[in-house]
Amino acid sequence: MGAYIVRRLAWLPLILFVVSFATFTLARYGPGDPISVAAGQIRDPEVLERVRAERGLDRPIPQQYVTWLTKAIQGDFGESYLQQGFSVSELIFPRMWISAQLGFVALIIVFAVGIPLGLLAARLAGTWMDPMII
């Protein structure tokens, strides 16, 4: 059992790399340009190209990914394009705490309901009540 868990955990870095690279690439090739969204009404091509160069979005995708991954590992997710003046971390981390609280409450409810129902299903195994206990 321990060897199985170690083998599964050994694949984790590769899987995280592949999923994050695929997500990053799809976001870059998807509809909409982040600089155009952030610029709003500004449609001057020279200004847009200058901002792309400042943010490194004119470089090849693998180079952008390495830069993004390096900063993400350090906890710097950049500036929000939609809410100017806020970093992504400032917007995500407070909401992560709320999500963690909701997940913890859901876990408590699952254990509070699931364990008694499991015990009841084991106790009534083979009776007419067994199929009704979900």
N, C-alpha and C. Protein backbone atom coordinates (compact mmCIF):
# COMPACT_ATOMS: atom_id res chain seq x y z
N MET A 1 0.83 -1.20 0.00
CA MET A 1 0.00 0.00 0.00
C MET A 1 0.87 1.25 0.00
N GLY A 2 1.94 1.24 0.79
CA GLY A 2 2.83 2.39 0.87
C GLY A 2 3.52 2.66 -0.46
N ALA A 3 3.92 1.58 -1.16
CA ALA A 3 4.58 1.74 -2.47
C ALA A 3 3.62 2.34 -3.48
N TYR A 4 2.36 1.94 -3.42
CA TYR A 4 1.35 2.48 -4.32
C TYR A 4 1.19 3.98 -4.11
N ILE A 5 1.12 4.41 -2.86
CA ILE A 5 0.96 5.83 -2.56
C ILE A 5 2.18 6.61 -3.03
N VAL A 6 3.37 6.07 -2.81
CA VAL A 6 4.59 6.74 -3.26
C VAL A 6 4.61 6.87 -4.78
N ARG A 7 4.20 5.81 -5.50
CA ARG A 7 4.15 5.88 -6.96
C ARG A 7 3.17 6.94 -7.43
N ARG A 8 2.02 7.00 -6.79
CA ARG A 8 1.02 8.00 -7.17
C ARG A 8 1.52 9.41 -6.89
N LEU A 9 2.17 9.61 -5.75
CA LEU A 9 2.70 10.92 -5.41
C LEU A 9 3.86 11.31 -6.32
N ALA A 10 4.60 10.34 -6.82
CA ALA A 10 5.71 10.64 -7.73
C ALA A 10 5.21 11.24 -9.04
N TRP A 11 4.01 10.88 -9.46
CA TRP A 11 3.43 11.43 -10.67
C TRP A 11 2.88 12.83 -10.48
N LEU A 12 2.66 13.25 -9.26
CA LEU A 12 2.01 14.52 -8.97
C LEU A 12 2.70 15.74 -9.62
N PRO A 13 4.02 15.91 -9.51
CA PRO A 13 4.64 17.08 -10.14
C PRO A 13 4.43 17.13 -11.65
N LEU A 14 4.55 15.97 -12.32
CA LEU A 14 4.36 15.94 -13.76
C LEU A 14 2.93 16.30 -14.14
N ILE A 15 1.98 15.75 -13.42
CA ILE A 15 0.57 16.03 -13.71
C ILE A 15 0.26 17.51 -13.47
N LEU A 16 0.76 18.06 -12.37
CA LEU A 16 0.55 19.49 -12.11
C LEU A 16 1.17 20.36 -13.19
N PHE A 17 2.36 19.97 -13.65
CA PHE A 17 3.02 20.72 -14.72
C PHE A 17 2.20 20.69 -16.00
N VAL A 18 1.75 19.50 -16.41
CA VAL A 18 1.00 19.35 -17.66
C VAL A 18 -0.32 20.11 -17.59
N VAL A 19 -1.03 19.99 -16.48
CA VAL A 19 -2.32 20.67 -16.35
C VAL A 19 -2.13 22.18 -16.32
N SER A 20 -1.15 22.67 -15.57
CA SER A 20 -0.95 24.12 -15.51
C SER A 20 -0.48 24.67 -16.85
N PHE A 21 0.37 23.94 -17.58
CA PHE A 21 0.81 24.41 -18.89
C PHE A 21 -0.34 24.42 -19.88
N ALA A 22 -1.16 23.38 -19.86
CA ALA A 22 -2.32 23.33 -20.78
C ALA A 22 -3.29 24.46 -20.47
N THR A 23 -3.56 24.69 -19.21
CA THR A 23 -4.47 25.77 -18.83
C THR A 23 -3.90 27.13 -19.22
N PHE A 24 -2.62 27.33 -18.97
CA PHE A 24 -1.96 28.58 -19.32
C PHE A 24 -2.03 28.81 -20.83
N THR A 25 -1.73 27.78 -21.59
CA THR A 25 -1.71 27.91 -23.05
C THR A 25 -3.12 28.17 -23.59
N LEU A 26 -4.11 27.45 -23.10
CA LEU A 26 -5.48 27.67 -23.55
C LEU A 26 -5.95 29.08 -23.22
N ALA A 27 -5.56 29.58 -22.06
CA ALA A 27 -5.95 30.94 -21.69
C ALA A 27 -5.31 31.97 -22.61
N ARG A 28 -4.09 31.72 -23.04
CA ARG A 28 -3.40 32.66 -23.94
C ARG A 28 -3.99 32.63 -25.35
N TYR A 29 -4.39 31.45 -25.81
CA TYR A 29 -4.93 31.33 -27.16
C TYR A 29 -6.45 31.48 -27.21
N GLY A 30 -7.06 31.64 -26.07
CA GLY A 30 -8.52 31.77 -26.02
C GLY A 30 -8.96 33.12 -26.54
N PRO A 31 -10.26 33.30 -26.65
CA PRO A 31 -10.78 34.58 -27.15
C PRO A 31 -10.50 35.71 -26.17
N GLY A 32 -10.22 36.87 -26.70
CA GLY A 32 -9.98 38.03 -25.87
C GLY A 32 -8.52 38.18 -25.50
N ASP A 33 -8.04 39.37 -25.59
CA ASP A 33 -6.66 39.70 -25.25
C ASP A 33 -6.68 40.41 -23.90
N PRO A 34 -5.89 39.94 -22.92
CA PRO A 34 -5.94 40.56 -21.60
C PRO A 34 -5.59 42.05 -21.63
N ILE A 35 -4.71 42.45 -22.52
CA ILE A 35 -4.33 43.86 -22.59
C ILE A 35 -5.48 44.68 -23.15
N SER A 36 -6.19 44.17 -24.15
CA SER A 36 -7.35 44.89 -24.68
C SER A 36 -8.45 45.03 -23.63
N VAL A 37 -8.64 43.98 -22.84
CA VAL A 37 -9.65 44.03 -21.77
C VAL A 37 -9.25 45.07 -20.73
N ALA A 38 -7.97 45.08 -20.35
CA ALA A 38 -7.49 46.02 -19.34
C ALA A 38 -7.50 47.45 -19.86
N ALA A 39 -7.28 47.64 -21.17
CA ALA A 39 -7.20 48.99 -21.74
C ALA A 39 -8.57 49.66 -21.79
N GLY A 40 -9.62 48.88 -21.86
CA GLY A 40 -10.96 49.47 -21.93
C GLY A 40 -11.18 50.19 -23.24
N GLN A 41 -11.37 51.51 -23.18
CA GLN A 41 -11.67 52.31 -24.37
C GLN A 41 -10.42 52.70 -25.16
N ILE A 42 -9.24 52.50 -24.60
CA ILE A 42 -8.02 52.88 -25.30
C ILE A 42 -7.78 51.87 -26.42
N ARG A 43 -7.72 52.35 -27.64
CA ARG A 43 -7.52 51.46 -28.78
C ARG A 43 -6.32 51.86 -29.63
N ASP A 44 -5.41 52.61 -29.06
CA ASP A 44 -4.21 53.00 -29.78
C ASP A 44 -3.28 51.80 -29.88
N PRO A 45 -2.96 51.32 -31.09
CA PRO A 45 -2.14 50.12 -31.24
C PRO A 45 -0.75 50.26 -30.64
N GLU A 46 -0.18 51.46 -30.70
CA GLU A 46 1.16 51.66 -30.15
C GLU A 46 1.16 51.50 -28.63
N VAL A 47 0.12 52.03 -27.99
CA VAL A 47 0.02 51.92 -26.53
C VAL A 47 -0.19 50.46 -26.14
N LEU A 48 -1.05 49.76 -26.87
CA LEU A 48 -1.31 48.35 -26.56
C LEU A 48 -0.04 47.51 -26.73
N GLU A 49 0.72 47.76 -27.78
CA GLU A 49 1.97 47.01 -27.98
C GLU A 49 2.99 47.32 -26.89
N ARG A 50 3.04 48.59 -26.45
CA ARG A 50 3.98 48.96 -25.39
C ARG A 50 3.62 48.25 -24.09
N VAL A 51 2.32 48.19 -23.77
CA VAL A 51 1.88 47.52 -22.55
C VAL A 51 2.13 46.02 -22.64
N ARG A 52 1.90 45.43 -23.83
CA ARG A 52 2.20 44.00 -24.02
C ARG A 52 3.68 43.73 -23.77
N ALA A 53 4.54 44.61 -24.27
CA ALA A 53 5.98 44.43 -24.08
C ALA A 53 6.36 44.60 -22.60
N GLU A 54 5.72 45.55 -21.90
CA GLU A 54 6.01 45.76 -20.48
C GLU A 54 5.62 44.54 -19.65
N ARG A 55 4.52 43.93 -20.00
CA ARG A 55 4.04 42.77 -19.24
C ARG A 55 4.58 41.45 -19.75
N GLY A 56 5.37 41.47 -20.81
CA GLY A 56 5.99 40.26 -21.33
C GLY A 56 5.08 39.40 -22.17
N LEU A 57 3.96 39.95 -22.63
CA LEU A 57 3.02 39.16 -23.42
C LEU A 57 3.38 39.12 -24.90
N ASP A 58 4.49 39.74 -25.27
CA ASP A 58 4.95 39.67 -26.65
C ASP A 58 5.98 38.55 -26.84
N ARG A 59 6.35 37.89 -25.76
CA ARG A 59 7.33 36.80 -25.82
C ARG A 59 6.63 35.49 -26.17
N PRO A 60 7.40 34.45 -26.54
CA PRO A 60 6.79 33.14 -26.84
C PRO A 60 6.09 32.54 -25.61
N ILE A 61 5.10 31.72 -25.87
CA ILE A 61 4.28 31.12 -24.81
C ILE A 61 5.13 30.35 -23.79
N PRO A 62 6.08 29.50 -24.20
CA PRO A 62 6.87 28.79 -23.18
C PRO A 62 7.66 29.73 -22.26
N GLN A 63 8.16 30.81 -22.82
CA GLN A 63 8.90 31.78 -22.01
C GLN A 63 7.95 32.50 -21.04
N GLN A 64 6.75 32.84 -21.51
CA GLN A 64 5.75 33.45 -20.63
C GLN A 64 5.38 32.49 -19.51
N TYR A 65 5.25 31.20 -19.86
CA TYR A 65 4.86 30.21 -18.86
C TYR A 65 5.92 30.07 -17.77
N VAL A 66 7.19 30.03 -18.16
CA VAL A 66 8.26 29.90 -17.17
C VAL A 66 8.26 31.11 -16.24
N THR A 67 8.08 32.30 -16.80
CA THR A 67 8.01 33.51 -15.97
C THR A 67 6.83 33.45 -15.02
N TRP A 68 5.67 33.06 -15.54
CA TRP A 68 4.47 32.97 -14.71
C TRP A 68 4.64 31.92 -13.61
N LEU A 69 5.19 30.75 -13.96
CA LEU A 69 5.35 29.68 -12.98
C LEU A 69 6.32 30.08 -11.88
N THR A 70 7.40 30.75 -12.25
CA THR A 70 8.38 31.20 -11.26
C THR A 70 7.73 32.17 -10.27
N LYS A 71 6.96 33.10 -10.79
CA LYS A 71 6.29 34.06 -9.90
C LYS A 71 5.18 33.39 -9.08
N ALA A 72 4.45 32.47 -9.70
CA ALA A 72 3.35 31.80 -9.00
C ALA A 72 3.87 30.96 -7.84
N ILE A 73 5.02 30.31 -8.02
CA ILE A 73 5.60 29.52 -6.94
C ILE A 73 5.98 30.42 -5.77
N GLN A 74 6.34 31.66 -6.07
CA GLN A 74 6.71 32.63 -5.03
C GLN A 74 5.47 33.31 -4.44
N GLY A 75 4.28 33.03 -4.98
CA GLY A 75 3.04 33.61 -4.45
C GLY A 75 2.62 34.89 -5.14
N ASP A 76 3.32 35.28 -6.20
CA ASP A 76 2.98 36.50 -6.94
C ASP A 76 2.20 36.10 -8.18
N PHE A 77 0.89 36.35 -8.18
CA PHE A 77 0.05 35.99 -9.31
C PHE A 77 -0.21 37.17 -10.24
N GLY A 78 0.43 38.29 -9.97
CA GLY A 78 0.32 39.44 -10.86
C GLY A 78 -0.83 40.35 -10.48
N GLU A 79 -1.09 41.29 -11.38
CA GLU A 79 -2.14 42.28 -11.16
C GLU A 79 -3.41 41.85 -11.89
N SER A 80 -4.53 42.13 -11.28
CA SER A 80 -5.81 41.79 -11.88
C SER A 80 -6.06 42.69 -13.09
N TYR A 81 -6.49 42.08 -14.19
CA TYR A 81 -6.81 42.87 -15.38
C TYR A 81 -8.17 43.53 -15.25
N LEU A 82 -9.08 42.88 -14.54
CA LEU A 82 -10.44 43.41 -14.44
C LEU A 82 -10.60 44.42 -13.32
N GLN A 83 -9.94 44.20 -12.18
CA GLN A 83 -10.03 45.14 -11.06
C GLN A 83 -8.69 45.83 -10.92
N GLN A 84 -8.53 46.91 -11.65
CA GLN A 84 -7.27 47.64 -11.70
C GLN A 84 -6.82 48.07 -10.31
N GLY A 85 -5.54 47.95 -10.05
CA GLY A 85 -4.97 48.38 -8.78
C GLY A 85 -4.94 47.30 -7.71
N PHE A 86 -5.47 46.14 -7.99
CA PHE A 86 -5.47 45.04 -7.03
C PHE A 86 -4.64 43.89 -7.59
N SER A 87 -3.87 43.26 -6.72
CA SER A 87 -3.17 42.05 -7.16
C SER A 87 -4.15 40.87 -7.08
N VAL A 88 -3.85 39.86 -7.84
CA VAL A 88 -4.71 38.67 -7.85
C VAL A 88 -4.74 38.03 -6.47
N SER A 89 -3.59 38.04 -5.78
CA SER A 89 -3.52 37.46 -4.44
C SER A 89 -4.46 38.18 -3.47
N GLU A 90 -4.54 39.51 -3.59
CA GLU A 90 -5.43 40.28 -2.72
C GLU A 90 -6.89 39.91 -2.95
N LEU A 91 -7.21 39.51 -4.16
CA LEU A 91 -8.59 39.17 -4.49
C LEU A 91 -8.92 37.71 -4.17
N ILE A 92 -7.94 36.83 -4.29
CA ILE A 92 -8.20 35.39 -4.13
C ILE A 92 -8.15 34.94 -2.67
N PHE A 93 -7.12 35.35 -1.93
CA PHE A 93 -6.90 34.78 -0.60
C PHE A 93 -8.04 35.01 0.38
N PRO A 94 -8.68 36.20 0.43
CA PRO A 94 -9.84 36.32 1.33
C PRO A 94 -10.98 35.37 0.95
N ARG A 95 -11.17 35.16 -0.34
CA ARG A 95 -12.24 34.27 -0.78
C ARG A 95 -11.88 32.80 -0.54
N MET A 96 -10.59 32.50 -0.56
CA MET A 96 -10.16 31.13 -0.25
C MET A 96 -10.50 30.78 1.20
N TRP A 97 -10.38 31.73 2.10
CA TRP A 97 -10.72 31.50 3.51
C TRP A 97 -12.20 31.18 3.64
N ILE A 98 -13.03 31.93 2.92
CA ILE A 98 -14.48 31.68 2.96
C ILE A 98 -14.78 30.29 2.39
N SER A 99 -14.13 29.94 1.28
CA SER A 99 -14.33 28.62 0.68
C SER A 99 -13.88 27.50 1.63
N ALA A 100 -12.78 27.72 2.34
CA ALA A 100 -12.31 26.73 3.30
C ALA A 100 -13.33 26.55 4.43
N GLN A 101 -13.91 27.65 4.89
CA GLN A 101 -14.93 27.55 5.95
C GLN A 101 -16.14 26.78 5.46
N LEU A 102 -16.60 27.07 4.23
CA LEU A 102 -17.74 26.35 3.68
C LEU A 102 -17.42 24.87 3.50
N GLY A 103 -16.22 24.57 3.04
CA GLY A 103 -15.81 23.18 2.87
C GLY A 103 -15.76 22.44 4.20
N PHE A 104 -15.28 23.13 5.24
CA PHE A 104 -15.22 22.51 6.57
C PHE A 104 -16.62 22.22 7.10
N VAL A 105 -17.55 23.15 6.91
CA VAL A 105 -18.94 22.92 7.35
C VAL A 105 -19.55 21.76 6.57
N ALA A 106 -19.28 21.69 5.26
CA ALA A 106 -19.79 20.57 4.46
C ALA A 106 -19.21 19.25 4.94
N LEU A 107 -17.94 19.24 5.29
CA LEU A 107 -17.30 18.03 5.80
C LEU A 107 -17.94 17.58 7.10
N ILE A 108 -18.21 18.51 7.98
CA ILE A 108 -18.88 18.19 9.25
C ILE A 108 -20.25 17.58 8.99
N ILE A 109 -20.99 18.18 8.05
CA ILE A 109 -22.33 17.67 7.75
C ILE A 109 -22.25 16.27 7.14
N VAL A 110 -21.29 16.06 6.24
CA VAL A 110 -21.14 14.74 5.62
C VAL A 110 -20.83 13.68 6.68
N PHE A 111 -19.92 13.99 7.59
CA PHE A 111 -19.61 13.02 8.64
C PHE A 111 -20.79 12.83 9.59
N ALA A 112 -21.48 13.91 9.92
CA ALA A 112 -22.60 13.82 10.85
C ALA A 112 -23.74 12.99 10.27
N VAL A 113 -23.92 13.05 8.97
CA VAL A 113 -25.00 12.29 8.34
C VAL A 113 -24.50 10.94 7.83
N GLY A 114 -23.32 10.92 7.23
CA GLY A 114 -22.82 9.71 6.58
C GLY A 114 -22.47 8.59 7.53
N ILE A 115 -21.83 8.89 8.64
CA ILE A 115 -21.44 7.83 9.58
C ILE A 115 -22.67 7.17 10.20
N PRO A 116 -23.64 7.93 10.72
CA PRO A 116 -24.83 7.25 11.25
C PRO A 116 -25.58 6.45 10.19
N LEU A 117 -25.69 6.99 8.95
CA LEU A 117 -26.37 6.23 7.89
C LEU A 117 -25.60 4.97 7.53
N GLY A 118 -24.27 5.05 7.51
CA GLY A 118 -23.46 3.86 7.23
C GLY A 118 -23.62 2.80 8.30
N LEU A 119 -23.64 3.23 9.55
CA LEU A 119 -23.84 2.28 10.65
C LEU A 119 -25.23 1.65 10.58
N LEU A 120 -26.22 2.48 10.25
CA LEU A 120 -27.58 1.97 10.13
C LEU A 120 -27.70 0.98 8.98
N ALA A 121 -27.04 1.29 7.84
CA ALA A 121 -27.07 0.38 6.70
C ALA A 121 -26.38 -0.94 7.05
N ALA A 122 -25.29 -0.88 7.80
CA ALA A 122 -24.61 -2.12 8.21
C ALA A 122 -25.47 -2.93 9.16
N ARG A 123 -26.16 -2.23 10.04
CA ARG A 123 -27.01 -2.90 11.04
C ARG A 123 -28.22 -3.56 10.38
N LEU A 124 -28.76 -2.89 9.34
CA LEU A 124 -29.96 -3.40 8.69
C LEU A 124 -29.66 -4.10 7.36
N ALA A 125 -28.44 -4.58 7.20
CA ALA A 125 -28.06 -5.24 5.95
C ALA A 125 -28.94 -6.44 5.68
N GLY A 126 -29.45 -6.52 4.45
CA GLY A 126 -30.27 -7.66 4.06
C GLY A 126 -31.73 -7.49 4.40
N THR A 127 -32.13 -6.44 5.09
CA THR A 127 -33.54 -6.22 5.40
C THR A 127 -34.17 -5.35 4.32
N TRP A 128 -35.47 -5.14 4.41
CA TRP A 128 -36.16 -4.31 3.44
C TRP A 128 -35.75 -2.86 3.54
N MET A 129 -35.17 -2.42 4.66
CA MET A 129 -34.73 -1.04 4.85
C MET A 129 -33.36 -0.78 4.19
N ASP A 130 -32.60 -1.83 3.94
CA ASP A 130 -31.25 -1.68 3.42
C ASP A 130 -31.19 -0.88 2.11
N PRO A 131 -32.03 -1.19 1.10
CA PRO A 131 -31.94 -0.42 -0.15
C PRO A 131 -32.37 1.04 0.00
N MET A 132 -33.17 1.36 1.02
CA MET A 132 -33.65 2.73 1.17
C MET A 132 -32.64 3.64 1.81
N ILE A 133 -31.65 3.09 2.47
CA ILE A 133 -30.61 3.91 3.11
C ILE A 133 -29.56 4.22 2.04
N ILE A 134 -29.49 5.46 1.71
CA ILE A 134 -28.56 5.87 0.63
C ILE A 134 -27.30 6.45 1.23
